[in-house]
Amino acid sequence: MDDGHGARGWLRRGRAALALGLMLVLAMAWICVGERRRRAVALVAWRVLLAGFGIRLRCHGTVPDDAARWLIVANHVSWIDIAVLGGVIDGGFVAKDDVARWPLIGGLARRYGCLFVSRSRRADVSAHAARIEGWPGGQGLILFPEGTTSDGGSVLPFRSSLFPAPGQRWA
């Protein structure tokens, strides 16, 4: 049995490190390519990252052709959710505003099309909601309304005031 310290553990860690390195190389290429090729490079990068961590993606059904106009709402278990959804849906993510200041990740997230929102300033909610409502057609937007990660055993309370009740428009 492999406890993670044997040869198999080292191989897994090496594969993951190689995938992270390749993802960074692809990220640099992604920054330089034009709009038309950006999605293709992003898909390769997400797949490389998932494969490097030994994650196989299996989709049941198809993503609708008009998914790029949707607000996709999902619970958030780990960073893997971002890689999986990014690899399946052509859309940006709603992210907390401090992600924009993270080294390297912040710049990539901005370029990817993330919408950064302040979770601490309740007065900004209507402005953020208006930005979501005015999100460009042709690109979906992915929202994790729990506002944090969980173990996935249950859905946490929605903490996002950016998520309206069904049929309700933002004020």
N, C-alpha and C. Protein backbone atom coordinates (compact mmCIF):
# COMPACT_ATOMS: atom_id res chain seq x y z
N MET A 1 0.85 -1.17 0.00
CA MET A 1 0.00 0.00 0.00
C MET A 1 0.90 1.24 0.00
N ASP A 2 0.51 2.23 -0.79
CA ASP A 2 1.31 3.45 -0.92
C ASP A 2 0.78 4.51 0.03
N ASP A 3 1.63 4.96 0.93
CA ASP A 3 1.22 6.01 1.88
C ASP A 3 1.55 7.40 1.37
N GLY A 4 1.92 7.52 0.11
CA GLY A 4 2.25 8.81 -0.47
C GLY A 4 3.72 9.14 -0.41
N HIS A 5 4.52 8.32 0.33
CA HIS A 5 5.95 8.59 0.46
C HIS A 5 6.80 7.67 -0.39
N GLY A 6 6.19 6.65 -0.94
CA GLY A 6 6.94 5.70 -1.77
C GLY A 6 7.09 6.23 -3.19
N ALA A 7 7.51 5.32 -4.06
CA ALA A 7 7.75 5.70 -5.46
C ALA A 7 6.47 6.20 -6.14
N ARG A 8 5.34 5.57 -5.86
CA ARG A 8 4.09 6.01 -6.47
C ARG A 8 3.70 7.41 -6.00
N GLY A 9 3.94 7.69 -4.75
CA GLY A 9 3.65 9.02 -4.21
C GLY A 9 4.51 10.09 -4.87
N TRP A 10 5.80 9.76 -5.05
CA TRP A 10 6.69 10.71 -5.70
C TRP A 10 6.31 10.92 -7.15
N LEU A 11 5.87 9.86 -7.82
CA LEU A 11 5.42 9.98 -9.21
C LEU A 11 4.17 10.86 -9.31
N ARG A 12 3.24 10.66 -8.39
CA ARG A 12 2.02 11.49 -8.39
C ARG A 12 2.37 12.96 -8.17
N ARG A 13 3.24 13.23 -7.20
CA ARG A 13 3.63 14.62 -6.93
C ARG A 13 4.40 15.20 -8.11
N GLY A 14 5.24 14.39 -8.74
CA GLY A 14 5.98 14.86 -9.91
C GLY A 14 5.05 15.17 -11.07
N ARG A 15 4.06 14.31 -11.28
CA ARG A 15 3.08 14.54 -12.35
C ARG A 15 2.29 15.82 -12.07
N ALA A 16 1.91 16.04 -10.83
CA ALA A 16 1.17 17.25 -10.47
C ALA A 16 2.04 18.50 -10.67
N ALA A 17 3.31 18.42 -10.26
CA ALA A 17 4.21 19.57 -10.42
C ALA A 17 4.44 19.87 -11.90
N LEU A 18 4.60 18.82 -12.70
CA LEU A 18 4.76 19.01 -14.14
C LEU A 18 3.52 19.66 -14.75
N ALA A 19 2.34 19.21 -14.32
CA ALA A 19 1.09 19.79 -14.83
C ALA A 19 0.99 21.27 -14.45
N LEU A 20 1.37 21.61 -13.22
CA LEU A 20 1.34 23.02 -12.81
C LEU A 20 2.30 23.84 -13.65
N GLY A 21 3.49 23.29 -13.90
CA GLY A 21 4.46 23.99 -14.73
C GLY A 21 3.95 24.19 -16.16
N LEU A 22 3.36 23.14 -16.73
CA LEU A 22 2.80 23.25 -18.08
C LEU A 22 1.64 24.23 -18.12
N MET A 23 0.85 24.23 -17.06
CA MET A 23 -0.27 25.17 -17.01
C MET A 23 0.25 26.60 -17.00
N LEU A 24 1.32 26.86 -16.27
CA LEU A 24 1.90 28.21 -16.25
C LEU A 24 2.44 28.60 -17.62
N VAL A 25 3.08 27.66 -18.31
CA VAL A 25 3.56 27.93 -19.67
C VAL A 25 2.38 28.24 -20.58
N LEU A 26 1.33 27.43 -20.48
CA LEU A 26 0.13 27.69 -21.29
C LEU A 26 -0.52 29.01 -20.92
N ALA A 27 -0.47 29.36 -19.64
CA ALA A 27 -1.03 30.64 -19.20
C ALA A 27 -0.30 31.81 -19.84
N MET A 28 1.00 31.70 -19.94
CA MET A 28 1.76 32.77 -20.59
C MET A 28 1.42 32.85 -22.07
N ALA A 29 1.27 31.69 -22.71
CA ALA A 29 0.87 31.67 -24.12
C ALA A 29 -0.54 32.23 -24.26
N TRP A 30 -1.40 31.89 -23.34
CA TRP A 30 -2.79 32.32 -23.36
C TRP A 30 -2.89 33.85 -23.30
N ILE A 31 -2.03 34.46 -22.51
CA ILE A 31 -2.04 35.92 -22.40
C ILE A 31 -1.69 36.56 -23.74
N CYS A 32 -0.84 35.90 -24.51
CA CYS A 32 -0.36 36.48 -25.76
C CYS A 32 -1.25 36.23 -26.97
N VAL A 33 -2.12 35.22 -26.92
CA VAL A 33 -2.93 34.90 -28.09
C VAL A 33 -4.13 35.82 -28.20
N GLY A 34 -4.69 35.89 -29.38
CA GLY A 34 -5.86 36.70 -29.62
C GLY A 34 -7.12 36.07 -29.06
N GLU A 35 -8.20 36.82 -29.08
CA GLU A 35 -9.49 36.37 -28.54
C GLU A 35 -9.94 35.04 -29.13
N ARG A 36 -9.75 34.85 -30.41
CA ARG A 36 -10.27 33.65 -31.07
C ARG A 36 -9.60 32.37 -30.59
N ARG A 37 -8.34 32.45 -30.19
CA ARG A 37 -7.61 31.25 -29.76
C ARG A 37 -7.57 31.10 -28.25
N ARG A 38 -7.98 32.12 -27.55
CA ARG A 38 -7.86 32.10 -26.09
C ARG A 38 -8.64 30.94 -25.47
N ARG A 39 -9.85 30.68 -25.94
CA ARG A 39 -10.66 29.60 -25.37
C ARG A 39 -9.99 28.24 -25.59
N ALA A 40 -9.44 28.02 -26.78
CA ALA A 40 -8.78 26.74 -27.07
C ALA A 40 -7.58 26.52 -26.15
N VAL A 41 -6.78 27.55 -25.93
CA VAL A 41 -5.61 27.43 -25.04
C VAL A 41 -6.07 27.19 -23.61
N ALA A 42 -7.13 27.89 -23.18
CA ALA A 42 -7.66 27.70 -21.82
C ALA A 42 -8.14 26.27 -21.63
N LEU A 43 -8.82 25.72 -22.61
CA LEU A 43 -9.30 24.33 -22.50
C LEU A 43 -8.13 23.36 -22.35
N VAL A 44 -7.09 23.55 -23.13
CA VAL A 44 -5.91 22.67 -23.02
C VAL A 44 -5.30 22.81 -21.62
N ALA A 45 -5.20 24.04 -21.14
CA ALA A 45 -4.59 24.27 -19.82
C ALA A 45 -5.41 23.60 -18.71
N TRP A 46 -6.75 23.74 -18.75
CA TRP A 46 -7.58 23.10 -17.73
C TRP A 46 -7.41 21.58 -17.78
N ARG A 47 -7.37 21.02 -19.00
CA ARG A 47 -7.24 19.56 -19.14
C ARG A 47 -5.88 19.06 -18.67
N VAL A 48 -4.83 19.82 -18.96
CA VAL A 48 -3.49 19.45 -18.49
C VAL A 48 -3.46 19.45 -16.96
N LEU A 49 -4.03 20.48 -16.36
CA LEU A 49 -4.04 20.58 -14.90
C LEU A 49 -4.80 19.40 -14.28
N LEU A 50 -6.00 19.13 -14.78
CA LEU A 50 -6.78 18.02 -14.23
C LEU A 50 -6.07 16.68 -14.42
N ALA A 51 -5.51 16.46 -15.61
CA ALA A 51 -4.80 15.20 -15.87
C ALA A 51 -3.58 15.06 -14.96
N GLY A 52 -2.89 16.16 -14.72
CA GLY A 52 -1.70 16.12 -13.87
C GLY A 52 -2.02 15.71 -12.44
N PHE A 53 -3.23 16.00 -12.01
CA PHE A 53 -3.65 15.61 -10.66
C PHE A 53 -4.44 14.31 -10.68
N GLY A 54 -4.45 13.64 -11.84
CA GLY A 54 -5.12 12.34 -11.94
C GLY A 54 -6.63 12.43 -11.94
N ILE A 55 -7.17 13.56 -12.35
CA ILE A 55 -8.63 13.75 -12.36
C ILE A 55 -9.14 13.53 -13.77
N ARG A 56 -10.06 12.61 -13.89
CA ARG A 56 -10.69 12.34 -15.19
C ARG A 56 -12.06 12.99 -15.20
N LEU A 57 -12.32 13.71 -16.25
CA LEU A 57 -13.58 14.43 -16.38
C LEU A 57 -14.52 13.62 -17.26
N ARG A 58 -15.69 13.33 -16.73
CA ARG A 58 -16.71 12.62 -17.49
C ARG A 58 -17.97 13.46 -17.46
N CYS A 59 -18.43 13.88 -18.63
CA CYS A 59 -19.63 14.70 -18.73
C CYS A 59 -20.80 13.84 -19.14
N HIS A 60 -21.92 14.03 -18.49
CA HIS A 60 -23.16 13.35 -18.84
C HIS A 60 -24.06 14.39 -19.48
N GLY A 61 -24.52 14.13 -20.67
CA GLY A 61 -25.32 15.11 -21.39
C GLY A 61 -24.42 16.07 -22.13
N THR A 62 -25.00 17.14 -22.59
CA THR A 62 -24.24 18.13 -23.34
C THR A 62 -24.48 19.51 -22.76
N VAL A 63 -23.52 20.37 -22.96
CA VAL A 63 -23.68 21.76 -22.57
C VAL A 63 -24.51 22.42 -23.68
N PRO A 64 -25.62 23.05 -23.34
CA PRO A 64 -26.44 23.68 -24.37
C PRO A 64 -25.65 24.72 -25.17
N ASP A 65 -26.01 24.86 -26.44
CA ASP A 65 -25.33 25.82 -27.30
C ASP A 65 -25.37 27.23 -26.75
N ASP A 66 -26.46 27.57 -26.06
CA ASP A 66 -26.59 28.94 -25.56
C ASP A 66 -26.11 29.09 -24.11
N ALA A 67 -25.31 28.13 -23.60
CA ALA A 67 -24.81 28.20 -22.22
C ALA A 67 -23.97 29.44 -21.99
N ALA A 68 -23.43 30.00 -23.06
CA ALA A 68 -22.60 31.18 -22.93
C ALA A 68 -23.41 32.40 -22.50
N ARG A 69 -24.72 32.28 -22.48
CA ARG A 69 -25.56 33.41 -22.05
C ARG A 69 -26.12 33.18 -20.65
N TRP A 70 -25.75 32.14 -20.00
CA TRP A 70 -26.35 31.75 -18.73
C TRP A 70 -25.55 32.25 -17.54
N LEU A 71 -26.25 32.35 -16.41
CA LEU A 71 -25.61 32.47 -15.10
C LEU A 71 -25.65 31.07 -14.52
N ILE A 72 -24.48 30.47 -14.37
CA ILE A 72 -24.38 29.10 -13.87
C ILE A 72 -24.12 29.18 -12.37
N VAL A 73 -24.90 28.45 -11.60
CA VAL A 73 -24.80 28.48 -10.14
C VAL A 73 -24.41 27.08 -9.67
N ALA A 74 -23.35 26.99 -8.88
CA ALA A 74 -22.87 25.69 -8.41
C ALA A 74 -22.32 25.81 -7.00
N ASN A 75 -22.33 24.68 -6.27
CA ASN A 75 -21.65 24.72 -4.98
C ASN A 75 -20.15 24.56 -5.23
N HIS A 76 -19.36 24.90 -4.24
CA HIS A 76 -17.92 25.03 -4.41
C HIS A 76 -17.22 24.17 -3.37
N VAL A 77 -16.68 23.03 -3.83
CA VAL A 77 -16.01 22.12 -2.91
C VAL A 77 -14.51 22.41 -2.83
N SER A 78 -13.88 22.69 -3.99
CA SER A 78 -12.44 22.98 -3.99
C SER A 78 -12.05 23.70 -5.27
N TRP A 79 -10.76 23.94 -5.43
CA TRP A 79 -10.26 24.59 -6.64
C TRP A 79 -10.56 23.75 -7.87
N ILE A 80 -10.79 22.46 -7.67
CA ILE A 80 -11.08 21.57 -8.79
C ILE A 80 -12.36 22.01 -9.50
N ASP A 81 -13.33 22.54 -8.75
CA ASP A 81 -14.58 23.01 -9.35
C ASP A 81 -14.28 24.05 -10.44
N ILE A 82 -13.34 24.92 -10.18
CA ILE A 82 -13.00 25.97 -11.13
C ILE A 82 -12.41 25.37 -12.40
N ALA A 83 -11.49 24.42 -12.24
CA ALA A 83 -10.87 23.78 -13.40
C ALA A 83 -11.90 22.98 -14.21
N VAL A 84 -12.78 22.27 -13.53
CA VAL A 84 -13.79 21.46 -14.23
C VAL A 84 -14.76 22.37 -14.98
N LEU A 85 -15.34 23.35 -14.29
CA LEU A 85 -16.31 24.23 -14.95
C LEU A 85 -15.65 25.07 -16.03
N GLY A 86 -14.42 25.51 -15.78
CA GLY A 86 -13.69 26.28 -16.79
C GLY A 86 -13.41 25.46 -18.03
N GLY A 87 -13.24 24.16 -17.86
CA GLY A 87 -12.98 23.29 -18.99
C GLY A 87 -14.21 22.86 -19.75
N VAL A 88 -15.38 23.10 -19.17
CA VAL A 88 -16.62 22.66 -19.81
C VAL A 88 -17.44 23.84 -20.33
N ILE A 89 -17.44 24.93 -19.59
CA ILE A 89 -18.29 26.08 -19.91
C ILE A 89 -17.42 27.28 -20.27
N ASP A 90 -17.74 27.92 -21.36
CA ASP A 90 -17.02 29.13 -21.76
C ASP A 90 -17.60 30.28 -20.96
N GLY A 91 -17.02 30.53 -19.80
CA GLY A 91 -17.55 31.60 -18.96
C GLY A 91 -16.55 32.07 -17.95
N GLY A 92 -16.79 33.27 -17.46
CA GLY A 92 -15.98 33.82 -16.39
C GLY A 92 -16.56 33.41 -15.05
N PHE A 93 -15.86 33.73 -14.00
CA PHE A 93 -16.30 33.40 -12.66
C PHE A 93 -16.55 34.68 -11.87
N VAL A 94 -17.52 34.63 -10.97
CA VAL A 94 -17.68 35.69 -9.99
C VAL A 94 -16.72 35.33 -8.87
N ALA A 95 -15.80 36.24 -8.56
CA ALA A 95 -14.77 35.96 -7.56
C ALA A 95 -14.68 37.11 -6.56
N LYS A 96 -14.26 36.79 -5.35
CA LYS A 96 -14.08 37.85 -4.37
C LYS A 96 -12.97 38.78 -4.85
N ASP A 97 -13.10 40.04 -4.51
CA ASP A 97 -12.21 41.06 -5.07
C ASP A 97 -10.75 40.89 -4.69
N ASP A 98 -10.44 40.22 -3.59
CA ASP A 98 -9.03 40.07 -3.24
C ASP A 98 -8.30 39.11 -4.18
N VAL A 99 -9.03 38.25 -4.91
CA VAL A 99 -8.39 37.37 -5.90
C VAL A 99 -7.69 38.21 -6.97
N ALA A 100 -8.26 39.36 -7.29
CA ALA A 100 -7.68 40.25 -8.31
C ALA A 100 -6.27 40.70 -7.91
N ARG A 101 -5.95 40.70 -6.62
CA ARG A 101 -4.64 41.15 -6.14
C ARG A 101 -3.66 40.01 -5.92
N TRP A 102 -4.06 38.77 -6.13
CA TRP A 102 -3.16 37.64 -5.95
C TRP A 102 -2.10 37.67 -7.05
N PRO A 103 -0.84 37.43 -6.68
CA PRO A 103 0.20 37.40 -7.71
C PRO A 103 -0.11 36.34 -8.77
N LEU A 104 0.12 36.65 -9.99
CA LEU A 104 -0.08 35.82 -11.16
C LEU A 104 -1.55 35.43 -11.36
N ILE A 105 -2.17 34.82 -10.36
CA ILE A 105 -3.56 34.36 -10.48
C ILE A 105 -4.49 35.54 -10.76
N GLY A 106 -4.28 36.66 -10.10
CA GLY A 106 -5.14 37.82 -10.29
C GLY A 106 -5.13 38.31 -11.73
N GLY A 107 -3.96 38.42 -12.31
CA GLY A 107 -3.85 38.86 -13.71
C GLY A 107 -4.49 37.86 -14.66
N LEU A 108 -4.28 36.58 -14.41
CA LEU A 108 -4.89 35.56 -15.25
C LEU A 108 -6.41 35.58 -15.11
N ALA A 109 -6.90 35.75 -13.88
CA ALA A 109 -8.34 35.78 -13.65
C ALA A 109 -8.98 36.98 -14.36
N ARG A 110 -8.32 38.12 -14.29
CA ARG A 110 -8.85 39.31 -15.01
C ARG A 110 -8.93 39.03 -16.50
N ARG A 111 -7.87 38.47 -17.03
CA ARG A 111 -7.81 38.20 -18.47
C ARG A 111 -8.82 37.11 -18.86
N TYR A 112 -9.09 36.19 -17.96
CA TYR A 112 -10.03 35.10 -18.22
C TYR A 112 -11.47 35.62 -18.29
N GLY A 113 -11.72 36.72 -17.63
CA GLY A 113 -13.07 37.28 -17.66
C GLY A 113 -13.80 37.14 -16.35
N CYS A 114 -13.07 37.16 -15.24
CA CYS A 114 -13.72 37.08 -13.94
C CYS A 114 -14.33 38.43 -13.57
N LEU A 115 -15.42 38.36 -12.85
CA LEU A 115 -16.08 39.54 -12.32
C LEU A 115 -15.76 39.56 -10.83
N PHE A 116 -15.03 40.58 -10.39
CA PHE A 116 -14.61 40.66 -8.99
C PHE A 116 -15.62 41.48 -8.19
N VAL A 117 -16.03 40.93 -7.06
CA VAL A 117 -17.00 41.61 -6.21
C VAL A 117 -16.48 41.69 -4.79
N SER A 118 -16.87 42.76 -4.12
CA SER A 118 -16.52 42.94 -2.72
C SER A 118 -17.57 42.24 -1.87
N ARG A 119 -17.11 41.33 -1.03
CA ARG A 119 -18.05 40.63 -0.16
C ARG A 119 -18.22 41.37 1.16
N SER A 120 -17.40 42.37 1.40
CA SER A 120 -17.47 43.06 2.68
C SER A 120 -18.27 44.36 2.62
N ARG A 121 -18.48 44.90 1.43
CA ARG A 121 -19.19 46.16 1.29
C ARG A 121 -20.58 45.92 0.74
N ARG A 122 -21.56 45.82 1.63
CA ARG A 122 -22.94 45.54 1.23
C ARG A 122 -23.49 46.63 0.31
N ALA A 123 -22.97 47.84 0.43
CA ALA A 123 -23.47 48.95 -0.39
C ALA A 123 -23.17 48.74 -1.87
N ASP A 124 -22.21 47.87 -2.19
CA ASP A 124 -21.83 47.64 -3.58
C ASP A 124 -22.69 46.59 -4.29
N VAL A 125 -23.62 45.96 -3.56
CA VAL A 125 -24.38 44.84 -4.11
C VAL A 125 -25.13 45.23 -5.37
N SER A 126 -25.83 46.36 -5.35
CA SER A 126 -26.63 46.71 -6.53
C SER A 126 -25.73 47.00 -7.74
N ALA A 127 -24.55 47.58 -7.50
CA ALA A 127 -23.62 47.83 -8.61
C ALA A 127 -23.09 46.51 -9.17
N HIS A 128 -22.78 45.55 -8.29
CA HIS A 128 -22.31 44.24 -8.75
C HIS A 128 -23.42 43.52 -9.52
N ALA A 129 -24.65 43.59 -9.00
CA ALA A 129 -25.78 42.94 -9.68
C ALA A 129 -25.98 43.54 -11.07
N ALA A 130 -25.83 44.84 -11.19
CA ALA A 130 -25.98 45.49 -12.50
C ALA A 130 -24.88 45.02 -13.46
N ARG A 131 -23.67 44.81 -12.93
CA ARG A 131 -22.58 44.32 -13.78
C ARG A 131 -22.86 42.89 -14.24
N ILE A 132 -23.46 42.08 -13.38
CA ILE A 132 -23.81 40.72 -13.77
C ILE A 132 -24.89 40.76 -14.84
N GLU A 133 -25.92 41.59 -14.61
CA GLU A 133 -27.01 41.68 -15.57
C GLU A 133 -26.53 42.20 -16.92
N GLY A 134 -25.51 43.03 -16.92
CA GLY A 134 -24.98 43.57 -18.16
C GLY A 134 -23.80 42.79 -18.71
N TRP A 135 -23.57 41.58 -18.19
CA TRP A 135 -22.44 40.76 -18.62
C TRP A 135 -22.54 40.51 -20.12
N PRO A 136 -21.43 40.59 -20.84
CA PRO A 136 -21.48 40.46 -22.30
C PRO A 136 -22.09 39.14 -22.75
N GLY A 137 -22.95 39.21 -23.76
CA GLY A 137 -23.49 38.01 -24.38
C GLY A 137 -22.35 37.23 -24.99
N GLY A 138 -22.51 35.94 -25.09
CA GLY A 138 -21.46 35.12 -25.67
C GLY A 138 -20.50 34.57 -24.64
N GLN A 139 -20.65 35.00 -23.39
CA GLN A 139 -19.81 34.44 -22.33
C GLN A 139 -20.68 34.22 -21.11
N GLY A 140 -20.65 32.99 -20.60
CA GLY A 140 -21.40 32.68 -19.40
C GLY A 140 -20.71 33.25 -18.17
N LEU A 141 -21.40 33.17 -17.06
CA LEU A 141 -20.85 33.64 -15.79
C LEU A 141 -21.17 32.58 -14.74
N ILE A 142 -20.17 32.19 -13.97
CA ILE A 142 -20.31 31.10 -13.00
C ILE A 142 -20.22 31.69 -11.60
N LEU A 143 -21.22 31.38 -10.79
CA LEU A 143 -21.33 31.94 -9.43
C LEU A 143 -21.39 30.81 -8.42
N PHE A 144 -20.59 30.91 -7.38
CA PHE A 144 -20.64 29.98 -6.26
C PHE A 144 -21.32 30.73 -5.11
N PRO A 145 -22.64 30.62 -4.96
CA PRO A 145 -23.36 31.45 -4.00
C PRO A 145 -23.10 31.12 -2.53
N GLU A 146 -22.47 29.97 -2.25
CA GLU A 146 -22.16 29.66 -0.86
C GLU A 146 -21.04 30.57 -0.35
N GLY A 147 -20.26 31.12 -1.27
CA GLY A 147 -19.21 32.07 -0.90
C GLY A 147 -17.98 31.44 -0.29
N THR A 148 -17.92 30.12 -0.23
CA THR A 148 -16.77 29.44 0.34
C THR A 148 -16.77 27.99 -0.14
N THR A 149 -15.73 27.26 0.19
CA THR A 149 -15.69 25.84 -0.14
C THR A 149 -16.26 25.05 1.02
N SER A 150 -16.69 23.83 0.72
CA SER A 150 -17.22 22.94 1.75
C SER A 150 -16.76 21.52 1.44
N ASP A 151 -17.17 20.57 2.27
CA ASP A 151 -16.82 19.18 1.99
C ASP A 151 -17.76 18.56 0.97
N GLY A 152 -18.76 19.30 0.54
CA GLY A 152 -19.68 18.83 -0.48
C GLY A 152 -20.78 17.92 0.04
N GLY A 153 -20.76 17.62 1.34
CA GLY A 153 -21.78 16.75 1.92
C GLY A 153 -23.16 17.36 1.93
N SER A 154 -23.22 18.67 1.96
CA SER A 154 -24.50 19.38 1.90
C SER A 154 -24.24 20.76 1.32
N VAL A 155 -25.30 21.40 0.93
CA VAL A 155 -25.18 22.75 0.39
C VAL A 155 -25.23 23.72 1.56
N LEU A 156 -24.24 24.60 1.63
CA LEU A 156 -24.19 25.60 2.69
C LEU A 156 -25.19 26.71 2.39
N PRO A 157 -25.53 27.52 3.40
CA PRO A 157 -26.43 28.64 3.12
C PRO A 157 -25.83 29.57 2.07
N PHE A 158 -26.69 30.05 1.19
CA PHE A 158 -26.24 30.99 0.18
C PHE A 158 -25.92 32.30 0.86
N ARG A 159 -24.73 32.79 0.65
CA ARG A 159 -24.28 34.04 1.26
C ARG A 159 -24.23 35.16 0.25
N SER A 160 -24.57 34.83 -0.97
CA SER A 160 -24.43 35.83 -2.01
C SER A 160 -25.72 36.59 -2.23
N SER A 161 -25.67 37.87 -2.00
CA SER A 161 -26.83 38.70 -2.30
C SER A 161 -26.91 38.97 -3.79
N LEU A 162 -25.95 38.43 -4.55
CA LEU A 162 -25.97 38.56 -6.01
C LEU A 162 -26.85 37.49 -6.64
N PHE A 163 -27.38 36.60 -5.85
CA PHE A 163 -28.20 35.51 -6.35
C PHE A 163 -29.66 35.79 -6.01
N PRO A 164 -30.46 36.24 -6.98
CA PRO A 164 -31.84 36.61 -6.69
C PRO A 164 -32.74 35.39 -6.54
N ALA A 165 -33.90 35.62 -5.95
CA ALA A 165 -34.92 34.57 -5.88
C ALA A 165 -35.41 34.29 -7.30
N PRO A 166 -35.85 33.06 -7.56
CA PRO A 166 -36.32 32.74 -8.91
C PRO A 166 -37.40 33.71 -9.38
N GLY A 167 -37.26 34.19 -10.59
CA GLY A 167 -38.24 35.10 -11.17
C GLY A 167 -38.09 36.54 -10.72
N GLN A 168 -37.19 36.81 -9.81
CA GLN A 168 -37.01 38.16 -9.28
C GLN A 168 -35.84 38.85 -10.01
N ARG A 169 -36.02 40.08 -10.36
CA ARG A 169 -34.95 40.88 -10.98
C ARG A 169 -34.20 41.59 -9.86
N TRP A 170 -32.94 41.94 -10.14
CA TRP A 170 -32.17 42.70 -9.16
C TRP A 170 -32.72 44.11 -9.09
N ALA A 171 -32.68 44.67 -7.91
CA ALA A 171 -33.15 46.06 -7.73
C ALA A 171 -32.08 47.04 -8.14
